[in-house]
Amino acid sequence: MNSRETFRGTGGRKGKVNRDSHLFIDVLVLLINRWLSLFYSILLHLQAFADTLKQNGLANMQILGAVMRKLLLLIRTLVIHELDYDPNYAPCPQSP
């Protein structure tokens, strides 16, 4: 399709397909893939945390509350400190 050809959008308007629109779609797909992989890694981390709590004998509602609290603290920390999620993150131990 060259720059002179047109297409019909959902609104019935005619528009030209150009390189910028393809670039926008490519960038959007990359961002969606990044967010999905981030969401999946967080989900795996929380599932492992919930499994540990279950093995320790906590009730289902206690596990749910602990996972929700951990997720809330994780989101707050990532937003406040403007960090990327790192599942292997371990803070430095505090000296007495």
Protein backbone atom coordinates (compact mmCIF):
# COMPACT_ATOMS: atom_id res chain seq x y z
CA MET A 1 0.00 0.00 0.00
CA ASN A 2 1.58 3.30 -1.00
CA SER A 3 0.97 6.73 0.52
CA ARG A 4 -1.72 7.60 -2.05
CA GLU A 5 -3.98 4.70 -1.18
CA THR A 6 -6.62 5.22 1.45
CA PHE A 7 -8.47 2.97 3.84
CA ARG A 8 -11.80 3.17 5.57
CA GLY A 9 -11.67 3.38 9.34
CA THR A 10 -14.38 2.40 11.80
CA GLY A 11 -15.95 5.86 11.60
CA GLY A 12 -16.23 5.80 7.84
CA ARG A 13 -13.60 8.52 7.44
CA LYS A 14 -10.94 8.20 4.81
CA GLY A 15 -7.37 8.54 5.96
CA LYS A 16 -3.90 7.96 4.64
CA VAL A 17 -1.73 5.18 5.99
CA ASN A 18 1.72 6.52 6.68
CA ARG A 19 4.85 5.34 8.36
CA ASP A 20 4.08 7.18 11.60
CA SER A 21 0.91 5.21 12.23
CA HIS A 22 2.79 1.93 11.77
CA LEU A 23 5.51 3.13 14.13
CA PHE A 24 2.90 4.06 16.73
CA ILE A 25 1.31 0.60 16.51
CA ASP A 26 4.71 -1.10 16.81
CA VAL A 27 5.59 0.94 19.91
CA LEU A 28 2.16 0.25 21.41
CA VAL A 29 2.59 -3.50 20.90
CA LEU A 30 6.04 -3.39 22.54
CA LEU A 31 4.66 -1.53 25.55
CA ILE A 32 1.76 -3.96 25.94
CA ASN A 33 4.15 -6.93 25.78
CA ARG A 34 6.40 -5.32 28.41
CA TRP A 35 3.48 -4.69 30.77
CA LEU A 36 2.15 -8.23 30.29
CA SER A 37 5.52 -9.77 31.09
CA LEU A 38 5.82 -7.51 34.15
CA PHE A 39 2.33 -8.49 35.31
CA TYR A 40 3.11 -12.18 34.83
CA SER A 41 6.34 -11.99 36.87
CA ILE A 42 4.55 -10.18 39.71
CA LEU A 43 1.77 -12.76 39.60
CA LEU A 44 4.29 -15.61 39.90
CA HIS A 45 5.97 -13.85 42.83
CA LEU A 46 2.65 -13.41 44.65
CA GLN A 47 1.64 -17.02 43.93
CA ALA A 48 4.86 -18.28 45.52
CA PHE A 49 4.24 -16.01 48.52
CA ALA A 50 0.68 -17.37 48.87
CA ASP A 51 1.94 -20.96 48.64
CA THR A 52 4.41 -20.29 51.45
CA LEU A 53 1.65 -18.85 53.63
CA LYS A 54 -0.56 -21.86 52.88
CA GLN A 55 2.22 -24.24 53.94
CA ASN A 56 2.55 -22.30 57.20
CA GLY A 57 -1.09 -23.10 57.98
CA LEU A 58 -2.81 -19.75 57.44
CA ALA A 59 -6.50 -19.60 56.55
CA ASN A 60 -7.57 -18.59 53.03
CA MET A 61 -8.80 -15.14 54.11
CA GLN A 62 -5.54 -14.48 55.96
CA ILE A 63 -3.61 -15.41 52.82
CA LEU A 64 -5.80 -13.14 50.70
CA GLY A 65 -5.28 -10.23 53.10
CA ALA A 66 -1.51 -10.77 53.18
CA VAL A 67 -1.26 -10.97 49.37
CA MET A 68 -3.37 -7.82 48.93
CA ARG A 69 -1.23 -5.95 51.47
CA LYS A 70 1.99 -7.11 49.79
CA LEU A 71 0.68 -6.04 46.37
CA LEU A 72 -0.33 -2.63 47.70
CA LEU A 73 3.08 -2.08 49.32
CA LEU A 74 4.85 -3.28 46.19
CA ILE A 75 2.93 -0.88 43.95
CA ARG A 76 3.46 2.02 46.38
CA THR A 77 7.20 1.34 46.56
CA LEU A 78 7.57 1.12 42.79
CA VAL A 79 5.63 4.34 42.23
CA ILE A 80 7.24 6.39 45.02
CA HIS A 81 10.82 5.38 44.22
CA GLU A 82 10.25 5.17 40.43
CA LEU A 83 11.85 1.73 40.21
CA ASP A 84 11.34 -1.18 37.86
CA TYR A 85 10.09 -4.42 39.39
CA ASP A 86 12.90 -6.81 40.25
CA PRO A 87 11.78 -10.21 41.61
CA ASN A 88 15.31 -10.87 42.96
CA TYR A 89 15.50 -7.59 44.89
CA ALA A 90 16.85 -7.93 48.41
CA PRO A 91 17.43 -4.81 50.50
CA CYS A 92 20.77 -4.37 52.20
CA PRO A 93 20.72 -5.50 55.83
CA GLN A 94 20.70 -2.70 58.39
CA SER A 95 23.70 -2.57 60.70
CA PRO A 96 22.89 -2.32 64.44
